[in-house]
C-alpha cells in the first residue's frame, strides 16, 4: 500500500469506491446518521455509483441499532465479497491491525482492520463514525490507500466536487 504524498487531496467521491461502516448509521450519531442516509439516497438517485458495504461489515448490519432501511439496502448488491488474501494483502491488513490495536487486543480490532483494508484494497473512501478508527485516521492513511472520513465530511467532499465542476 502506498503512502499518500504531501499535499494530497482526496479523490472525487463520484469516481471512487465508497465503503460504509455499519456504525455510520447508528441513530445516536446525529448529524452523522442523517448524512449516511443522504449518502444512500444519492446512491439510489444515481449520483454516487461506487457505494459498497464490505463483506466484513455485513455481519454488523444485523445489530439492533441498525435502521431497517440500512438492512434492506445491505440485502442488495452493494457489498464486496470475501476472497482469499495474497501474502502481500495479508501483510497490509496486518499493518492496519497493528495501528488499530496498538498495544491492545488484536482480536477485538480484527473486524475493523478488515473494514479499512477492504476500502484500501479497492482504493476508496471508508465512511465511519468509529472513534477508534477516526483517532488513528492519519496514521492509517499513511500506510493505506483508504481515505477515512465521517459521513458529514464525505458529503462535504461530494459537494465540493459538485460545485467545483471537477
C-alpha atoms as a PDB file:
ATOM      1  CA  UNK A   1       0.000   0.000   0.000  1.00  0.00           C
ATOM      2  CA  UNK A   2       1.281   3.404  -0.909  1.00  0.00           C
ATOM      3  CA  UNK A   3       1.746   6.305   1.442  1.00  0.00           C
ATOM      4  CA  UNK A   4      -0.196   9.422   0.476  1.00  0.00           C
ATOM      5  CA  UNK A   5       2.111  12.203  -0.765  1.00  0.00           C
ATOM      6  CA  UNK A   6       2.404  15.576   0.928  1.00  0.00           C
ATOM      7  CA  UNK A   7      -0.332  17.949  -0.284  1.00  0.00           C
ATOM      8  CA  UNK A   8      -2.621  15.022  -1.106  1.00  0.00           C
ATOM      9  CA  UNK A   9      -6.206  15.948  -1.984  1.00  0.00           C
ATOM     10  CA  UNK A  10      -8.910  13.297  -1.653  1.00  0.00           C
ATOM     11  CA  UNK A  11     -10.157  11.993  -4.989  1.00  0.00           C
ATOM     12  CA  UNK A  12     -13.540  12.863  -6.431  1.00  0.00           C
ATOM     13  CA  UNK A  13     -16.016  10.711  -4.463  1.00  0.00           C
ATOM     14  CA  UNK A  14     -18.136  10.356  -7.607  1.00  0.00           C
ATOM     15  CA  UNK A  15     -15.296   8.330  -9.154  1.00  0.00           C
ATOM     16  CA  UNK A  16     -14.261   6.204  -6.170  1.00  0.00           C
ATOM     17  CA  UNK A  17     -15.450   3.177  -4.274  1.00  0.00           C
ATOM     18  CA  UNK A  18     -17.241   4.194  -1.102  1.00  0.00           C
ATOM     19  CA  UNK A  19     -17.236   1.703   1.757  1.00  0.00           C
ATOM     20  CA  UNK A  20     -19.686   2.353   4.580  1.00  0.00           C
ATOM     21  CA  UNK A  21     -19.099   1.172   8.126  1.00  0.00           C
ATOM     22  CA  UNK A  22     -22.217  -0.090   9.896  1.00  0.00           C
ATOM     23  CA  UNK A  23     -21.724   2.314  12.819  1.00  0.00           C
ATOM     24  CA  UNK A  24     -22.155   5.259  10.427  1.00  0.00           C
ATOM     25  CA  UNK A  25     -25.891   4.556  10.549  1.00  0.00           C
ATOM     26  CA  UNK A  26     -26.261   4.474  14.314  1.00  0.00           C
ATOM     27  CA  UNK A  27     -29.092   6.903  15.136  1.00  0.00           C
ATOM     28  CA  UNK A  28     -27.188   8.102  18.229  1.00  0.00           C
ATOM     29  CA  UNK A  29     -24.652   9.853  15.998  1.00  0.00           C
ATOM     30  CA  UNK A  30     -26.514  12.937  14.769  1.00  0.00           C
ATOM     31  CA  UNK A  31     -25.789  14.560  12.342  1.00  0.00           C
ATOM     32  CA  UNK A  32     -23.763  11.600  11.047  1.00  0.00           C
ATOM     33  CA  UNK A  33     -26.741   9.218  10.764  1.00  0.00           C
ATOM     34  CA  UNK A  34     -28.624  11.733   8.593  1.00  0.00           C
ATOM     35  CA  UNK A  35     -25.536  12.268   6.455  1.00  0.00           C
ATOM     36  CA  UNK A  36     -25.173   8.493   5.974  1.00  0.00           C
ATOM     37  CA  UNK A  37     -28.808   8.334   4.899  1.00  0.00           C
ATOM     38  CA  UNK A  38     -28.167  11.098   2.368  1.00  0.00           C
ATOM     39  CA  UNK A  39     -25.216   9.126   1.013  1.00  0.00           C
ATOM     40  CA  UNK A  40     -27.559   6.157   0.425  1.00  0.00           C
ATOM     41  CA  UNK A  41     -30.160   8.449  -1.167  1.00  0.00           C
ATOM     42  CA  UNK A  42     -27.534   9.892  -3.512  1.00  0.00           C
ATOM     43  CA  UNK A  43     -26.558   6.341  -4.452  1.00  0.00           C
ATOM     44  CA  UNK A  44     -30.174   5.380  -5.134  1.00  0.00           C
ATOM     45  CA  UNK A  45     -30.594   8.521  -7.282  1.00  0.00           C
ATOM     46  CA  UNK A  46     -27.537   7.586  -9.362  1.00  0.00           C
ATOM     47  CA  UNK A  47     -25.347  10.416  -8.028  1.00  0.00           C
ATOM     48  CA  UNK A  48     -22.853   8.125  -6.242  1.00  0.00           C
ATOM     49  CA  UNK A  49     -22.226   4.907  -8.112  1.00  0.00           C
ATOM     50  CA  UNK A  50     -19.394   3.379  -6.090  1.00  0.00           C
ATOM     51  CA  UNK A  51     -21.264   2.630  -2.856  1.00  0.00           C
ATOM     52  CA  UNK A  52     -20.150  -0.651  -1.236  1.00  0.00           C
ATOM     53  CA  UNK A  53     -20.617  -2.468   2.033  1.00  0.00           C
ATOM     54  CA  UNK A  54     -17.639  -4.685   2.754  1.00  0.00           C
ATOM     55  CA  UNK A  55     -18.356  -8.359   3.378  1.00  0.00           C
ATOM     56  CA  UNK A  56     -16.820  -7.862   6.823  1.00  0.00           C
ATOM     57  CA  UNK A  57     -19.458  -5.245   7.643  1.00  0.00           C
ATOM     58  CA  UNK A  58     -22.477  -7.329   6.629  1.00  0.00           C
ATOM     59  CA  UNK A  59     -22.478  -9.223   9.943  1.00  0.00           C
ATOM     60  CA  UNK A  60     -22.617  -5.945  11.849  1.00  0.00           C
ATOM     61  CA  UNK A  61     -25.610  -4.716   9.848  1.00  0.00           C
ATOM     62  CA  UNK A  62     -27.795  -7.089  11.883  1.00  0.00           C
ATOM     63  CA  UNK A  63     -27.159  -5.090  15.084  1.00  0.00           C
ATOM     64  CA  UNK A  64     -30.459  -3.914  16.674  1.00  0.00           C
ATOM     65  CA  UNK A  65     -29.436  -0.227  16.332  1.00  0.00           C
ATOM     66  CA  UNK A  66     -29.051  -0.528  12.572  1.00  0.00           C
ATOM     67  CA  UNK A  67     -32.063   1.131  10.912  1.00  0.00           C
ATOM     68  CA  UNK A  68     -34.366  -1.106   8.859  1.00  0.00           C
ATOM     69  CA  UNK A  69     -33.670   0.859   5.656  1.00  0.00           C
ATOM     70  CA  UNK A  70     -29.945   0.071   6.008  1.00  0.00           C
ATOM     71  CA  UNK A  71     -30.685  -3.634   6.469  1.00  0.00           C
ATOM     72  CA  UNK A  72     -32.872  -3.587   3.336  1.00  0.00           C
ATOM     73  CA  UNK A  73     -30.217  -1.770   1.303  1.00  0.00           C
ATOM     74  CA  UNK A  74     -27.462  -4.102   2.527  1.00  0.00           C
ATOM     75  CA  UNK A  75     -29.507  -7.091   1.335  1.00  0.00           C
ATOM     76  CA  UNK A  76     -28.996  -5.836  -2.230  1.00  0.00           C
ATOM     77  CA  UNK A  77     -25.913  -5.999  -4.420  1.00  0.00           C
ATOM     78  CA  UNK A  78     -23.987  -3.295  -2.549  1.00  0.00           C
ATOM     79  CA  UNK A  79     -21.392  -5.494  -0.896  1.00  0.00           C
ATOM     80  CA  UNK A  80     -17.882  -6.700  -1.654  1.00  0.00           C
ATOM     81  CA  UNK A  81     -17.359 -10.450  -1.390  1.00  0.00           C
ATOM     82  CA  UNK A  82     -14.862 -12.231   0.801  1.00  0.00           C
ATOM     83  CA  UNK A  83     -11.884 -13.538  -1.146  1.00  0.00           C
ATOM     84  CA  UNK A  84      -8.601 -15.131  -0.088  1.00  0.00           C
ATOM     85  CA  UNK A  85      -5.814 -12.653   0.526  1.00  0.00           C
ATOM     86  CA  UNK A  86      -2.410 -12.859  -1.077  1.00  0.00           C
ATOM     87  CA  UNK A  87       0.555 -12.822   1.327  1.00  0.00           C
ATOM     88  CA  UNK A  88       1.110  -9.129   0.468  1.00  0.00           C
ATOM     89  CA  UNK A  89      -2.532  -8.307   1.157  1.00  0.00           C
ATOM     90  CA  UNK A  90      -2.399 -10.184   4.460  1.00  0.00           C
ATOM     91  CA  UNK A  91       0.688  -8.152   5.409  1.00  0.00           C
ATOM     92  CA  UNK A  92      -1.143  -4.921   4.506  1.00  0.00           C
ATOM     93  CA  UNK A  93      -4.143  -5.940   6.603  1.00  0.00           C
ATOM     94  CA  UNK A  94      -1.813  -6.828   9.486  1.00  0.00           C
ATOM     95  CA  UNK A  95      -0.179  -3.373   9.323  1.00  0.00           C
ATOM     96  CA  UNK A  96      -3.627  -1.804   9.585  1.00  0.00           C
ATOM     97  CA  UNK A  97      -4.395  -4.085  12.523  1.00  0.00           C
ATOM     98  CA  UNK A  98      -1.122  -3.074  14.192  1.00  0.00           C
ATOM     99  CA  UNK A  99      -2.150   0.587  14.006  1.00  0.00           C
ATOM    100  CA  UNK A 100      -5.686  -0.007  15.257  1.00  0.00           C
ATOM    101  CA  UNK A 101      -4.778  -2.401  18.060  1.00  0.00           C
ATOM    102  CA  UNK A 102      -1.642  -0.641  19.246  1.00  0.00           C
ATOM    103  CA  UNK A 103      -0.764  -2.414  22.496  1.00  0.00           C
ATOM    104  CA  UNK A 104      -4.374  -3.534  22.918  1.00  0.00           C
ATOM    105  CA  UNK A 105      -6.386  -6.593  21.982  1.00  0.00           C
ATOM    106  CA  UNK A 106      -5.760  -7.538  18.340  1.00  0.00           C
ATOM    107  CA  UNK A 107      -8.769  -9.886  18.299  1.00  0.00           C
ATOM    108  CA  UNK A 108     -11.089  -7.015  19.179  1.00  0.00           C
ATOM    109  CA  UNK A 109      -9.819  -4.863  16.318  1.00  0.00           C
ATOM    110  CA  UNK A 110      -9.692  -7.576  13.639  1.00  0.00           C
ATOM    111  CA  UNK A 111     -13.013  -6.746  12.014  1.00  0.00           C
ATOM    112  CA  UNK A 112     -12.261  -3.022  11.937  1.00  0.00           C
ATOM    113  CA  UNK A 113      -8.880  -3.731  10.338  1.00  0.00           C
ATOM    114  CA  UNK A 114     -10.624  -5.803   7.680  1.00  0.00           C
ATOM    115  CA  UNK A 115     -13.117  -2.977   7.001  1.00  0.00           C
ATOM    116  CA  UNK A 116     -10.324  -0.433   6.484  1.00  0.00           C
ATOM    117  CA  UNK A 117      -8.285  -2.936   4.462  1.00  0.00           C
ATOM    118  CA  UNK A 118     -11.213  -3.541   2.078  1.00  0.00           C
ATOM    119  CA  UNK A 119     -11.575   0.193   1.432  1.00  0.00           C
ATOM    120  CA  UNK A 120      -7.831   0.423   0.855  1.00  0.00           C
ATOM    121  CA  UNK A 121      -7.661  -2.651  -1.378  1.00  0.00           C
ATOM    122  CA  UNK A 122     -10.287  -1.222  -3.689  1.00  0.00           C
ATOM    123  CA  UNK A 123      -8.902   2.330  -3.406  1.00  0.00           C
ATOM    124  CA  UNK A 124     -11.779   4.154  -1.896  1.00  0.00           C
ATOM    125  CA  UNK A 125     -13.353   6.018   0.921  1.00  0.00           C
ATOM    126  CA  UNK A 126     -14.128   4.459   4.278  1.00  0.00           C
ATOM    127  CA  UNK A 127     -17.056   6.277   5.872  1.00  0.00           C
ATOM    128  CA  UNK A 128     -17.328   5.674   9.628  1.00  0.00           C
ATOM    129  CA  UNK A 129     -18.193   7.166  12.990  1.00  0.00           C
ATOM    130  CA  UNK A 130     -15.979   4.699  14.871  1.00  0.00           C
ATOM    131  CA  UNK A 131     -13.871   6.894  17.150  1.00  0.00           C
ATOM    132  CA  UNK A 132     -11.108   4.274  17.462  1.00  0.00           C
ATOM    133  CA  UNK A 133     -10.626   4.360  13.705  1.00  0.00           C
ATOM    134  CA  UNK A 134     -11.053   8.125  13.392  1.00  0.00           C
ATOM    135  CA  UNK A 135      -8.463   8.790  16.137  1.00  0.00           C
ATOM    136  CA  UNK A 136      -5.911   6.839  14.088  1.00  0.00           C
ATOM    137  CA  UNK A 137      -7.029   8.195  10.722  1.00  0.00           C
ATOM    138  CA  UNK A 138      -3.779  10.000   9.869  1.00  0.00           C
ATOM    139  CA  UNK A 139      -1.606   7.053  10.795  1.00  0.00           C
ATOM    140  CA  UNK A 140      -3.850   4.684   8.816  1.00  0.00           C
ATOM    141  CA  UNK A 141      -3.904   6.953   5.773  1.00  0.00           C
ATOM    142  CA  UNK A 142      -0.098   6.979   5.808  1.00  0.00           C
ATOM    143  CA  UNK A 143       0.024   3.212   5.321  1.00  0.00           C
ATOM    144  CA  UNK A 144      -3.022   2.500   3.164  1.00  0.00           C
ATOM    145  CA  UNK A 145      -4.951   3.809   0.174  1.00  0.00           C
ATOM    146  CA  UNK A 146      -8.237   4.406   2.008  1.00  0.00           C
ATOM    147  CA  UNK A 147      -9.493   7.916   2.717  1.00  0.00           C
ATOM    148  CA  UNK A 148     -11.177   7.741   6.142  1.00  0.00           C
ATOM    149  CA  UNK A 149     -13.979  10.218   6.816  1.00  0.00           C
ATOM    150  CA  UNK A 150     -17.142  10.739   8.831  1.00  0.00           C
ATOM    151  CA  UNK A 151     -20.385  10.815   6.816  1.00  0.00           C
ATOM    152  CA  UNK A 152     -20.628  14.613   7.135  1.00  0.00           C
ATOM    153  CA  UNK A 153     -17.032  15.017   5.928  1.00  0.00           C
ATOM    154  CA  UNK A 154     -17.754  12.747   2.987  1.00  0.00           C
ATOM    155  CA  UNK A 155     -20.802  14.782   1.979  1.00  0.00           C
ATOM    156  CA  UNK A 156     -18.714  17.954   2.201  1.00  0.00           C
ATOM    157  CA  UNK A 157     -16.261  16.413  -0.276  1.00  0.00           C
ATOM    158  CA  UNK A 158     -19.127  15.372  -2.560  1.00  0.00           C
ATOM    159  CA  UNK A 159     -20.496  18.918  -2.506  1.00  0.00           C
ATOM    160  CA  UNK A 160     -17.014  20.402  -3.071  1.00  0.00           C
ATOM    161  CA  UNK A 161     -16.582  18.371  -6.249  1.00  0.00           C
ATOM    162  CA  UNK A 162     -20.116  19.131  -7.410  1.00  0.00           C
ATOM    163  CA  UNK A 163     -19.661  22.886  -7.010  1.00  0.00           C
ATOM    164  CA  UNK A 164     -16.132  22.947  -8.439  1.00  0.00           C
ATOM    165  CA  UNK A 165     -17.297  21.217 -11.615  1.00  0.00           C
ATOM    166  CA  UNK A 166     -14.329  18.859 -11.444  1.00  0.00           C
END
